[in-house]
Amino acid sequence: MTGTAPGTVRPGGRSARVRDAVREATLAELSEHGYRGLTVDNVAARSGVHKTTVYRRWGNADGLIADALDRAAAEPWPVPDTGTLAGDLRVLARLVLTGFTDPRQGPVARAFVLAAMQSDAAARALRAFYARRYEQAAVIVRRAAGRGEIPAGTDAAELVRAAVAPLFHRLFITGEPAGGADADRAADAACAAARIGAFVI
């Protein structure tokens, strides 16, 4: 099959500039209007890219979201290296918390999660994004196992999920406030569980 899938463009030159402009417009529209308010027409107008081009390359709002998340997943994540699993998980949990509560980044990060609750395509894109993040964070678990802090065979993705899941629960389920102490508590609980082999596969 030939052709370009929605959200994919050839890198370099004008195509790269178009993709950057559309991505920035998508993030701005998501931040201001949420998933329900995200439209190809508005993104095209905001980006200065002709809407025919946006429709052809991204297809619809889901294609715009998928491409934005795909590009975000490819960006390096500042994985901590504090020398201990507990320290690494605390930094990681606080990093995730900041991503959702920062005045500039927070609205976009929250919009992605809320979009995933309303769209199967957005949910698939978000799962792929977090799968990449788990891959990047796996080094934390490998280092900890090498130091003898946790058993070999500990599932990195499950451990990282456990370290940040309470924050998602507060932010998106109950609407409770979430702060640094909550992030530390979640990380410490996940660390304690890992030490007794709770995440060994």
Protein backbone atom coordinates (compact mmCIF):
# COMPACT_ATOMS: atom_id res chain seq x y z
CA MET A 1 0.00 0.00 0.00
CA THR A 2 1.36 3.43 -0.89
CA GLY A 3 0.69 6.85 0.52
CA THR A 4 1.31 8.60 3.82
CA ALA A 5 -0.64 7.73 6.95
CA PRO A 6 -2.38 10.54 8.84
CA GLY A 7 0.10 12.42 10.99
CA THR A 8 3.21 11.34 9.10
CA VAL A 9 5.25 13.63 6.90
CA ARG A 10 8.69 13.42 5.42
CA PRO A 11 11.25 15.09 7.71
CA GLY A 12 13.24 18.12 6.69
CA GLY A 13 12.59 21.38 4.88
CA ARG A 14 9.10 22.70 4.42
CA SER A 15 7.47 19.48 5.62
CA ALA A 16 9.26 19.77 8.96
CA ARG A 17 8.19 23.40 9.32
CA VAL A 18 4.60 22.50 8.49
CA ARG A 19 4.61 19.66 10.98
CA ASP A 20 6.07 21.90 13.70
CA ALA A 21 3.49 24.60 13.06
CA VAL A 22 0.61 22.14 13.10
CA ARG A 23 1.87 20.47 16.25
CA GLU A 24 2.18 23.78 18.11
CA ALA A 25 -1.29 24.79 16.97
CA THR A 26 -2.67 21.41 18.08
CA LEU A 27 -1.17 21.79 21.54
CA ALA A 28 -2.50 25.32 21.87
CA GLU A 29 -6.00 24.31 20.76
CA LEU A 30 -6.01 21.34 23.12
CA SER A 31 -4.90 23.51 25.99
CA GLU A 32 -7.56 26.14 25.35
CA HIS A 33 -10.51 24.08 24.13
CA GLY A 34 -9.90 20.42 25.04
CA TYR A 35 -10.53 17.41 22.85
CA ARG A 36 -14.12 18.31 22.04
CA GLY A 37 -13.03 21.71 20.78
CA LEU A 38 -10.12 20.43 18.69
CA THR A 39 -10.88 20.76 14.99
CA VAL A 40 -8.79 20.57 11.84
CA ASP A 41 -10.15 23.93 10.69
CA ASN A 42 -9.08 25.70 13.89
CA VAL A 43 -5.64 24.07 13.84
CA ALA A 44 -5.20 25.04 10.21
CA ALA A 45 -6.19 28.65 10.91
CA ARG A 46 -3.92 28.87 13.94
CA SER A 47 -0.93 27.27 12.25
CA GLY A 48 -1.22 29.16 8.99
CA VAL A 49 -1.24 25.85 7.11
CA HIS A 50 -3.96 25.38 4.50
CA LYS A 51 -6.71 23.16 5.87
CA THR A 52 -6.56 20.94 2.79
CA THR A 53 -2.97 20.09 3.72
CA VAL A 54 -3.92 19.40 7.33
CA TYR A 55 -6.82 17.16 6.31
CA ARG A 56 -4.64 15.28 3.82
CA ARG A 57 -1.77 14.65 6.23
CA TRP A 58 -3.55 14.28 9.59
CA GLY A 59 -7.10 13.38 8.63
CA ASN A 60 -8.92 14.52 11.76
CA ALA A 61 -8.49 15.54 15.39
CA ASP A 62 -7.37 12.04 16.36
CA GLY A 63 -4.62 12.15 13.75
CA LEU A 64 -3.45 15.48 15.14
CA ILE A 65 -3.35 14.08 18.68
CA ALA A 66 -1.57 10.90 17.62
CA ASP A 67 1.14 12.86 15.82
CA ALA A 68 1.66 15.26 18.72
CA LEU A 69 2.03 12.34 21.15
CA ASP A 70 4.30 10.46 18.75
CA ARG A 71 6.65 13.41 18.58
CA ALA A 72 6.54 13.90 22.36
CA ALA A 73 7.40 10.24 22.91
CA ALA A 74 10.49 10.61 20.75
CA GLU A 75 11.81 13.46 22.91
CA PRO A 76 14.35 12.52 25.61
CA TRP A 77 12.99 12.14 29.12
CA PRO A 78 15.22 13.28 32.00
CA VAL A 79 15.49 9.91 33.73
CA PRO A 80 16.96 10.46 37.22
CA ASP A 81 20.08 8.80 38.62
CA THR A 82 20.22 9.55 42.36
CA GLY A 83 22.04 6.36 43.34
CA THR A 84 19.04 4.67 44.97
CA LEU A 85 15.75 3.28 43.69
CA ALA A 86 13.80 5.28 46.27
CA GLY A 87 15.46 8.49 45.18
CA ASP A 88 14.97 7.79 41.50
CA LEU A 89 11.28 6.96 41.94
CA ARG A 90 10.70 10.09 44.00
CA VAL A 91 12.25 12.28 41.32
CA LEU A 92 10.27 10.46 38.62
CA ALA A 93 6.97 10.83 40.46
CA ARG A 94 7.58 14.52 41.06
CA LEU A 95 8.47 14.93 37.38
CA VAL A 96 5.15 13.39 36.37
CA LEU A 97 3.29 15.55 38.89
CA THR A 98 4.95 18.70 37.58
CA GLY A 99 3.99 17.75 34.05
CA PHE A 100 0.33 17.89 35.02
CA THR A 101 0.41 20.86 37.40
CA ASP A 102 2.82 23.23 35.67
CA PRO A 103 0.88 26.30 34.47
CA ARG A 104 2.31 26.02 30.95
CA GLN A 105 2.61 22.25 30.41
CA GLY A 106 -0.24 21.10 32.63
CA PRO A 107 -3.25 22.04 30.51
CA VAL A 108 -1.86 20.19 27.47
CA ALA A 109 -0.85 17.09 29.45
CA ARG A 110 -4.27 16.96 31.09
CA ALA A 111 -5.98 17.44 27.72
CA PHE A 112 -4.20 14.39 26.31
CA VAL A 113 -5.42 12.20 29.18
CA LEU A 114 -8.96 13.53 28.92
CA ALA A 115 -8.91 13.00 25.15
CA ALA A 116 -7.96 9.36 25.73
CA MET A 117 -11.11 8.99 27.83
CA GLN A 118 -13.23 10.14 24.90
CA SER A 119 -11.51 8.64 21.86
CA ASP A 120 -10.20 5.13 21.18
CA ALA A 121 -7.63 6.53 18.76
CA ALA A 122 -6.38 9.04 21.33
CA ALA A 123 -6.24 6.25 23.92
CA ARG A 124 -4.07 4.13 21.63
CA ALA A 125 -1.76 7.07 21.01
CA LEU A 126 -1.48 7.77 24.73
CA ARG A 127 -0.69 4.11 25.49
CA ALA A 128 2.09 4.19 22.91
CA PHE A 129 3.42 7.39 24.46
CA TYR A 130 3.57 5.88 27.94
CA ALA A 131 5.04 2.62 26.63
CA ARG A 132 7.95 4.68 25.32
CA ARG A 133 8.28 6.47 28.66
CA TYR A 134 8.35 3.11 30.47
CA GLU A 135 11.10 1.93 28.12
CA GLN A 136 13.14 5.01 28.93
CA ALA A 137 12.60 4.59 32.68
CA ALA A 138 13.56 0.90 32.64
CA VAL A 139 17.18 1.85 33.29
CA ILE A 140 16.16 2.87 36.81
CA VAL A 141 14.99 -0.66 37.51
CA ARG A 142 18.02 -2.29 35.89
CA ARG A 143 20.37 -0.20 37.99
CA ALA A 144 18.45 -1.00 41.18
CA ALA A 145 18.53 -4.72 40.43
CA GLY A 146 22.25 -4.49 39.73
CA ARG A 147 22.80 -2.88 43.13
CA GLY A 148 20.80 -5.64 44.78
CA GLU A 149 18.01 -3.31 45.94
CA ILE A 150 15.28 -5.31 44.20
CA PRO A 151 15.03 -8.82 42.76
CA ALA A 152 16.14 -9.56 39.22
CA GLY A 153 13.19 -9.89 36.89
CA THR A 154 11.33 -6.90 38.31
CA ASP A 155 8.96 -5.55 35.67
CA ALA A 156 10.01 -1.96 35.03
CA ALA A 157 6.72 -0.82 33.52
CA GLU A 158 4.68 -2.20 36.42
CA LEU A 159 6.97 -0.60 38.97
CA VAL A 160 6.84 2.81 37.29
CA ARG A 161 3.06 2.55 36.95
CA ALA A 162 2.75 1.83 40.67
CA ALA A 163 4.94 4.83 41.50
CA VAL A 164 2.74 7.30 39.60
CA ALA A 165 -0.73 5.72 39.61
CA PRO A 166 -1.85 7.40 42.88
CA LEU A 167 -1.14 10.77 41.30
CA PHE A 168 -3.36 9.98 38.31
CA HIS A 169 -6.07 8.85 40.72
CA ARG A 170 -5.98 12.15 42.58
CA LEU A 171 -5.75 14.32 39.49
CA PHE A 172 -8.24 12.57 37.20
CA ILE A 173 -10.55 10.42 39.33
CA THR A 174 -11.19 12.14 42.65
CA GLY A 175 -9.98 15.63 41.82
CA GLU A 176 -8.03 15.80 45.07
CA PRO A 177 -5.02 18.08 45.40
CA ALA A 178 -1.69 16.41 44.64
CA GLY A 179 1.63 17.74 45.86
CA GLY A 180 5.21 16.75 46.40
CA ALA A 181 4.46 14.81 49.57
CA ASP A 182 1.88 12.74 47.70
CA ALA A 183 4.39 12.02 44.93
CA ASP A 184 7.00 10.94 47.48
CA ARG A 185 4.52 8.70 49.29
CA ALA A 186 3.49 6.97 46.07
CA ALA A 187 7.12 6.45 45.06
CA ASP A 188 8.06 5.07 48.48
CA ALA A 189 5.14 2.63 48.47
CA ALA A 190 6.12 1.34 45.02
CA CYS A 191 9.74 1.01 46.13
CA ALA A 192 8.76 -0.98 49.22
CA ALA A 193 6.62 -3.32 47.10
CA ALA A 194 9.43 -3.79 44.61
CA ARG A 195 11.86 -4.78 47.35
CA ILE A 196 9.70 -7.73 48.37
CA GLY A 197 9.28 -8.90 44.79
CA ALA A 198 5.78 -7.62 44.09
CA PHE A 199 6.65 -6.76 40.48
CA VAL A 200 8.73 -9.79 39.54
CA ILE A 201 7.45 -11.41 36.36
